[in-house]
C-alpha atoms as a PDB file:
ATOM      1  CA  MET A   1       0.200   0.233  -0.036  1.00  0.00           C
ATOM      2  CA  GLN A   2       1.127   3.304  -1.098  1.00  0.00           C
ATOM      3  CA  THR A   3       2.489   5.654   1.915  1.00  0.00           C
ATOM      4  CA  THR A   4       0.272   8.932   2.292  1.00  0.00           C
ATOM      5  CA  ALA A   5       1.073  10.020   5.922  1.00  0.00           C
ATOM      6  CA  ILE A   6       4.106  10.129   8.312  1.00  0.00           C
ATOM      7  CA  PHE A   7       3.677  10.296  11.977  1.00  0.00           C
ATOM      8  CA  TRP A   8       6.753  11.577  13.836  1.00  0.00           C
ATOM      9  CA  ASP A   9       7.791  11.359  17.664  1.00  0.00           C
ATOM     10  CA  LEU A  10       9.442  14.790  18.509  1.00  0.00           C
ATOM     11  CA  GLY A  11      11.564  14.181  21.560  1.00  0.00           C
ATOM     12  CA  GLY A  12      14.602  11.861  20.615  1.00  0.00           C
ATOM     13  CA  VAL A  13      13.826  12.044  16.879  1.00  0.00           C
ATOM     14  CA  LEU A  14      13.546  15.512  15.579  1.00  0.00           C
ATOM     15  CA  LEU A  15      14.308  17.449  18.950  1.00  0.00           C
ATOM     16  CA  SER A  16      15.864  16.476  22.135  1.00  0.00           C
ATOM     17  CA  ASN A  17      13.582  15.094  24.933  1.00  0.00           C
ATOM     18  CA  GLY A  18      12.022  18.025  26.602  1.00  0.00           C
ATOM     19  CA  TRP A  19      11.538  16.764  30.136  1.00  0.00           C
ATOM     20  CA  ASP A  20      13.017  13.409  30.247  1.00  0.00           C
ATOM     21  CA  ARG A  21      15.147  11.805  32.854  1.00  0.00           C
ATOM     22  CA  GLU A  22      18.285  13.566  31.594  1.00  0.00           C
ATOM     23  CA  GLN A  23      16.636  17.160  31.599  1.00  0.00           C
ATOM     24  CA  ARG A  24      15.223  16.498  35.083  1.00  0.00           C
ATOM     25  CA  ALA A  25      18.567  15.478  36.446  1.00  0.00           C
ATOM     26  CA  ALA A  26      19.914  18.771  34.999  1.00  0.00           C
ATOM     27  CA  ALA A  27      17.441  20.808  36.944  1.00  0.00           C
ATOM     28  CA  VAL A  28      18.012  18.695  40.112  1.00  0.00           C
ATOM     29  CA  ASP A  29      21.844  19.491  39.628  1.00  0.00           C
ATOM     30  CA  HIS A  30      21.220  23.261  38.928  1.00  0.00           C
ATOM     31  CA  PHE A  31      18.931  24.161  41.386  1.00  0.00           C
ATOM     32  CA  GLY A  32      20.349  21.762  44.240  1.00  0.00           C
ATOM     33  CA  LEU A  33      16.949  19.820  44.655  1.00  0.00           C
ATOM     34  CA  ASP A  34      16.546  16.439  46.572  1.00  0.00           C
ATOM     35  CA  ALA A  35      16.809  13.852  43.554  1.00  0.00           C
ATOM     36  CA  GLU A  36      14.771  11.221  45.230  1.00  0.00           C
ATOM     37  CA  GLU A  37      12.109  13.622  46.640  1.00  0.00           C
ATOM     38  CA  PHE A  38      11.798  15.422  43.183  1.00  0.00           C
ATOM     39  CA  GLU A  39      11.315  12.043  41.299  1.00  0.00           C
ATOM     40  CA  ASP A  40       8.856  10.674  43.613  1.00  0.00           C
ATOM     41  CA  ARG A  41       6.715  13.854  43.257  1.00  0.00           C
ATOM     42  CA  HIS A  42       7.185  13.775  39.556  1.00  0.00           C
ATOM     43  CA  ARG A  43       6.082  10.280  38.951  1.00  0.00           C
ATOM     44  CA  GLU A  44       2.937  10.956  40.983  1.00  0.00           C
ATOM     45  CA  ILE A  45       1.744  13.801  38.625  1.00  0.00           C
ATOM     46  CA  ALA A  46       3.670  13.093  35.575  1.00  0.00           C
ATOM     47  CA  ALA A  47       0.614  11.369  33.685  1.00  0.00           C
ATOM     48  CA  SER A  48      -1.581  14.137  34.657  1.00  0.00           C
ATOM     49  CA  LEU A  49       0.821  16.762  33.135  1.00  0.00           C
ATOM     50  CA  GLU A  50       1.114  14.843  29.942  1.00  0.00           C
ATOM     51  CA  THR A  51      -2.366  14.264  29.387  1.00  0.00           C
ATOM     52  CA  GLY A  52      -3.511  17.932  30.054  1.00  0.00           C
ATOM     53  CA  ARG A  53      -5.151  17.076  33.488  1.00  0.00           C
ATOM     54  CA  CYS A  54      -2.891  19.476  35.011  1.00  0.00           C
ATOM     55  CA  SER A  55      -0.831  22.630  34.265  1.00  0.00           C
ATOM     56  CA  LEU A  56       3.006  23.078  34.030  1.00  0.00           C
ATOM     57  CA  ASP A  57       2.235  25.706  37.069  1.00  0.00           C
ATOM     58  CA  GLU A  58       0.334  23.076  38.995  1.00  0.00           C
ATOM     59  CA  TYR A  59       3.039  20.447  38.205  1.00  0.00           C
ATOM     60  CA  LEU A  60       5.770  22.808  39.393  1.00  0.00           C
ATOM     61  CA  ARG A  61       3.756  23.623  42.695  1.00  0.00           C
ATOM     62  CA  ALA A  62       3.559  19.930  43.287  1.00  0.00           C
ATOM     63  CA  THR A  63       7.025  18.891  42.519  1.00  0.00           C
ATOM     64  CA  VAL A  64       9.370  21.843  43.401  1.00  0.00           C
ATOM     65  CA  PHE A  65       7.412  24.766  45.086  1.00  0.00           C
ATOM     66  CA  HIS A  66       5.907  22.762  47.867  1.00  0.00           C
ATOM     67  CA  ALA A  67       8.501  24.149  49.911  1.00  0.00           C
ATOM     68  CA  PRO A  68      10.154  27.773  49.963  1.00  0.00           C
ATOM     69  CA  ARG A  69      12.946  28.083  47.301  1.00  0.00           C
ATOM     70  CA  PRO A  70      15.718  30.658  46.897  1.00  0.00           C
ATOM     71  CA  PHE A  71      14.612  30.586  43.293  1.00  0.00           C
ATOM     72  CA  SER A  72      11.476  31.744  41.217  1.00  0.00           C
ATOM     73  CA  ALA A  73       8.898  29.535  39.489  1.00  0.00           C
ATOM     74  CA  ALA A  74       9.547  31.702  36.217  1.00  0.00           C
ATOM     75  CA  ARG A  75      13.180  30.889  36.515  1.00  0.00           C
ATOM     76  CA  PHE A  76      12.538  26.983  36.779  1.00  0.00           C
ATOM     77  CA  ARG A  77      10.206  27.182  33.988  1.00  0.00           C
ATOM     78  CA  GLU A  78      12.797  28.952  32.072  1.00  0.00           C
ATOM     79  CA  PHE A  79      15.174  26.190  32.631  1.00  0.00           C
ATOM     80  CA  ILE A  80      12.775  23.623  31.443  1.00  0.00           C
ATOM     81  CA  LEU A  81      12.314  25.331  28.247  1.00  0.00           C
ATOM     82  CA  SER A  82      16.073  25.871  27.661  1.00  0.00           C
ATOM     83  CA  GLN A  83      16.656  22.242  27.662  1.00  0.00           C
ATOM     84  CA  SER A  84      15.077  21.697  24.050  1.00  0.00           C
ATOM     85  CA  HIS A  85      17.122  21.897  21.218  1.00  0.00           C
ATOM     86  CA  PRO A  86      16.630  20.614  17.365  1.00  0.00           C
ATOM     87  CA  TYR A  87      18.450  17.987  15.375  1.00  0.00           C
ATOM     88  CA  PRO A  88      18.926  20.290  12.328  1.00  0.00           C
ATOM     89  CA  GLY A  89      19.650  17.688   9.796  1.00  0.00           C
ATOM     90  CA  ASN A  90      16.602  15.515  10.908  1.00  0.00           C
ATOM     91  CA  LEU A  91      14.535  18.611  10.550  1.00  0.00           C
ATOM     92  CA  GLU A  92      15.959  19.266   6.927  1.00  0.00           C
ATOM     93  CA  VAL A  93      14.515  15.707   5.861  1.00  0.00           C
ATOM     94  CA  VAL A  94      11.102  16.902   7.253  1.00  0.00           C
ATOM     95  CA  ASP A  95      11.527  20.056   5.183  1.00  0.00           C
ATOM     96  CA  ARG A  96      12.178  18.017   2.093  1.00  0.00           C
ATOM     97  CA  LEU A  97       9.099  15.836   2.841  1.00  0.00           C
ATOM     98  CA  ALA A  98       7.028  18.897   3.381  1.00  0.00           C
ATOM     99  CA  GLU A  99       8.103  20.423   0.283  1.00  0.00           C
ATOM    100  CA  SER A 100       7.258  17.556  -1.886  1.00  0.00           C
ATOM    101  CA  ARG A 101       3.594  17.693  -0.661  1.00  0.00           C
ATOM    102  CA  ARG A 102       3.473  13.805  -1.163  1.00  0.00           C
ATOM    103  CA  TYR A 103       2.610  13.228   2.286  1.00  0.00           C
ATOM    104  CA  LEU A 104       0.567  14.445   5.408  1.00  0.00           C
ATOM    105  CA  LEU A 105       3.002  15.035   7.880  1.00  0.00           C
ATOM    106  CA  ALA A 106       1.990  14.808  11.822  1.00  0.00           C
ATOM    107  CA  THR A 107       3.517  14.818  15.165  1.00  0.00           C
ATOM    108  CA  LEU A 108       2.566  12.031  17.709  1.00  0.00           C
ATOM    109  CA  ASN A 109       4.030  12.631  20.869  1.00  0.00           C
ATOM    110  CA  ASN A 110       3.784  12.419  24.718  1.00  0.00           C
ATOM    111  CA  GLU A 111       4.209  16.025  26.145  1.00  0.00           C
ATOM    112  CA  SER A 112       2.663  18.635  28.416  1.00  0.00           C
ATOM    113  CA  ARG A 113       0.619  21.438  26.683  1.00  0.00           C
ATOM    114  CA  GLU A 114       2.770  24.245  27.324  1.00  0.00           C
ATOM    115  CA  LEU A 115       6.274  22.607  26.332  1.00  0.00           C
ATOM    116  CA  ASN A 116       4.471  21.297  23.443  1.00  0.00           C
ATOM    117  CA  GLU A 117       3.286  24.798  22.326  1.00  0.00           C
ATOM    118  CA  TYR A 118       6.601  26.295  23.279  1.00  0.00           C
ATOM    119  CA  ARG A 119       8.444  23.740  20.935  1.00  0.00           C
ATOM    120  CA  ILE A 120       6.010  24.073  17.971  1.00  0.00           C
ATOM    121  CA  ALA A 121       6.521  27.846  18.010  1.00  0.00           C
ATOM    122  CA  ARG A 122      10.426  27.886  18.962  1.00  0.00           C
ATOM    123  CA  PHE A 123      11.279  25.296  16.195  1.00  0.00           C
ATOM    124  CA  GLY A 124       9.076  26.387  13.369  1.00  0.00           C
ATOM    125  CA  LEU A 125       7.056  23.165  13.353  1.00  0.00           C
ATOM    126  CA  ARG A 126       3.697  24.777  12.090  1.00  0.00           C
ATOM    127  CA  ARG A 127       5.264  25.050   8.948  1.00  0.00           C
ATOM    128  CA  ARG A 128       6.330  21.649   8.703  1.00  0.00           C
ATOM    129  CA  PHE A 129       3.466  19.616  10.047  1.00  0.00           C
ATOM    130  CA  ASP A 130      -0.314  19.371   9.064  1.00  0.00           C
ATOM    131  CA  CYS A 131      -1.391  18.630  12.488  1.00  0.00           C
ATOM    132  CA  PHE A 132      -0.254  17.647  15.992  1.00  0.00           C
ATOM    133  CA  PHE A 133      -1.473  14.870  17.986  1.00  0.00           C
ATOM    134  CA  THR A 134      -0.073  15.540  21.546  1.00  0.00           C
ATOM    135  CA  SER A 135      -0.895  13.516  24.711  1.00  0.00           C
ATOM    136  CA  ALA A 136      -1.757  16.856  26.390  1.00  0.00           C
ATOM    137  CA  PHE A 137      -4.611  17.600  23.665  1.00  0.00           C
ATOM    138  CA  LEU A 138      -5.677  13.901  23.332  1.00  0.00           C
ATOM    139  CA  GLY A 139      -5.972  12.969  26.945  1.00  0.00           C
ATOM    140  CA  ALA A 140      -4.175   9.799  26.382  1.00  0.00           C
ATOM    141  CA  MET A 141      -0.529   9.046  26.255  1.00  0.00           C
ATOM    142  CA  LYS A 142       1.638   6.434  23.904  1.00  0.00           C
ATOM    143  CA  PRO A 143       1.748   3.527  23.853  1.00  0.00           C
ATOM    144  CA  ASP A 144      -2.079   3.413  24.635  1.00  0.00           C
ATOM    145  CA  ALA A 145      -3.381   2.107  21.385  1.00  0.00           C
ATOM    146  CA  ARG A 146      -6.116   4.776  21.614  1.00  0.00           C
ATOM    147  CA  VAL A 147      -3.643   7.475  20.590  1.00  0.00           C
ATOM    148  CA  TYR A 148      -2.946   5.751  17.250  1.00  0.00           C
ATOM    149  CA  ARG A 149      -6.542   5.049  16.496  1.00  0.00           C
ATOM    150  CA  MET A 150      -7.381   8.705  17.127  1.00  0.00           C
ATOM    151  CA  ALA A 151      -4.801   9.903  14.997  1.00  0.00           C
ATOM    152  CA  LEU A 152      -5.775   7.565  12.231  1.00  0.00           C
ATOM    153  CA  GLU A 153      -9.574   8.574  12.495  1.00  0.00           C
ATOM    154  CA  VAL A 154      -8.592  12.071  12.392  1.00  0.00           C
ATOM    155  CA  ILE A 155      -6.647  12.165   9.362  1.00  0.00           C
ATOM    156  CA  GLN A 156      -8.824   9.449   7.649  1.00  0.00           C
ATOM    157  CA  ARG A 157      -5.901   7.038   6.665  1.00  0.00           C
ATOM    158  CA  ALA A 158      -5.753   3.192   6.731  1.00  0.00           C
ATOM    159  CA  PRO A 159      -3.168   1.936   8.920  1.00  0.00           C
ATOM    160  CA  GLY A 160      -1.140   0.437   6.120  1.00  0.00           C
ATOM    161  CA  GLU A 161      -0.805   3.934   4.595  1.00  0.00           C
ATOM    162  CA  VAL A 162       1.198   5.481   7.686  1.00  0.00           C
ATOM    163  CA  VAL A 163       4.649   5.184   8.644  1.00  0.00           C
ATOM    164  CA  TYR A 164       5.328   6.076  12.174  1.00  0.00           C
ATOM    165  CA  VAL A 165       9.002   7.088  13.465  1.00  0.00           C
ATOM    166  CA  ASP A 166       9.778   6.805  17.188  1.00  0.00           C
ATOM    167  CA  ASP A 167      13.047   6.227  19.202  1.00  0.00           C
ATOM    168  CA  ARG A 168      11.266   4.073  21.771  1.00  0.00           C
ATOM    169  CA  ALA A 169      10.396   0.308  20.893  1.00  0.00           C
ATOM    170  CA  GLN A 170       7.459   0.472  23.324  1.00  0.00           C
ATOM    171  CA  ASN A 171       5.596   3.009  21.406  1.00  0.00           C
ATOM    172  CA  LEU A 172       6.168   1.410  18.038  1.00  0.00           C
ATOM    173  CA  GLU A 173       4.697  -1.968  19.035  1.00  0.00           C
ATOM    174  CA  PRO A 174       0.964  -1.030  19.388  1.00  0.00           C
ATOM    175  CA  ALA A 175       1.223   1.044  16.231  1.00  0.00           C
ATOM    176  CA  ALA A 176       2.543  -1.929  14.341  1.00  0.00           C
ATOM    177  CA  ALA A 177      -0.090  -4.153  15.784  1.00  0.00           C
ATOM    178  CA  LEU A 178      -2.734  -1.874  14.149  1.00  0.00           C
ATOM    179  CA  GLY A 179      -0.863  -2.197  10.718  1.00  0.00           C
ATOM    180  CA  ILE A 180       1.174   0.945  10.767  1.00  0.00           C
ATOM    181  CA  ARG A 181       4.477   0.600   9.398  1.00  0.00           C
ATOM    182  CA  THR A 182       7.031   1.657  11.853  1.00  0.00           C
ATOM    183  CA  LEU A 183      10.705   2.973  12.120  1.00  0.00           C
ATOM    184  CA  HIS A 184      12.714   2.667  15.262  1.00  0.00           C
ATOM    185  CA  TYR A 185      15.119   5.504  14.949  1.00  0.00           C
ATOM    186  CA  HIS A 186      17.282   7.587  17.367  1.00  0.00           C
ATOM    187  CA  GLY A 187      17.836  11.315  16.598  1.00  0.00           C
ATOM    188  CA  GLU A 188      21.533  10.924  17.277  1.00  0.00           C
ATOM    189  CA  GLU A 189      21.939   8.544  14.283  1.00  0.00           C
ATOM    190  CA  GLY A 190      21.844  11.452  11.782  1.00  0.00           C
ATOM    191  CA  PRO A 191      19.823  12.518   8.744  1.00  0.00           C
ATOM    192  CA  GLU A 192      21.337   9.938   6.519  1.00  0.00           C
ATOM    193  CA  ALA A 193      20.211   6.990   8.682  1.00  0.00           C
ATOM    194  CA  LEU A 194      16.751   8.788   8.882  1.00  0.00           C
ATOM    195  CA  ARG A 195      16.677   8.903   5.045  1.00  0.00           C
ATOM    196  CA  ARG A 196      17.712   5.360   4.643  1.00  0.00           C
ATOM    197  CA  GLY A 197      15.188   4.061   6.988  1.00  0.00           C
ATOM    198  CA  LEU A 198      12.412   5.969   5.630  1.00  0.00           C
ATOM    199  CA  ALA A 199      13.444   4.911   2.033  1.00  0.00           C
ATOM    200  CA  ALA A 200      13.234   1.075   3.348  1.00  0.00           C
ATOM    201  CA  LEU A 201       9.589   1.844   3.975  1.00  0.00           C
ATOM    202  CA  GLY A 202       9.105   3.279   0.500  1.00  0.00           C
ATOM    203  CA  VAL A 203       9.151   6.863   1.613  1.00  0.00           C
ATOM    204  CA  GLU A 204      10.837   9.233  -0.835  1.00  0.00           C
ATOM    205  CA  VAL A 205      13.219  12.000   0.435  1.00  0.00           C
END
């Protein structure tokens, strides 16, 4: 079946992870937090943050500002946003695909609303992608199969028409079970590896 759409994970594929273990560890070190306490509190509320049931400000109150701090919430929020950076060569691959107009391009990722909106604006994603399927908008997180079903229903494509790129195997498995063709790819592998992987699935770059 001909490919007509490509779903892209953002963190770990086209951009750095937004607020994953590495970024949280950097924040713990930078602000002198108790790592165990912070991670315990993070685990309790992370799903609510990433499915849109709480805001980033509410998350920060629960994880960091439950006690007096010598720094502000605004400063901590700025630090979170500063952890994001692009994999430029990979975004250039997406640019080529967008310019070809052969494929519907969509993101499919787990992320809080505020962080996702920042990254969409900061890295010019609106001009590259047709739509954004983010856990905070959908109310469900990968690898929940509902996420993939909702995305397919919205774009009105059969699973066999879609290729999905993600750096985590556990997120690819439910997509493959639905009949979506998948590419396991890490952003650090570089754009040539991305092109080869896409070409193997019949995507012309």
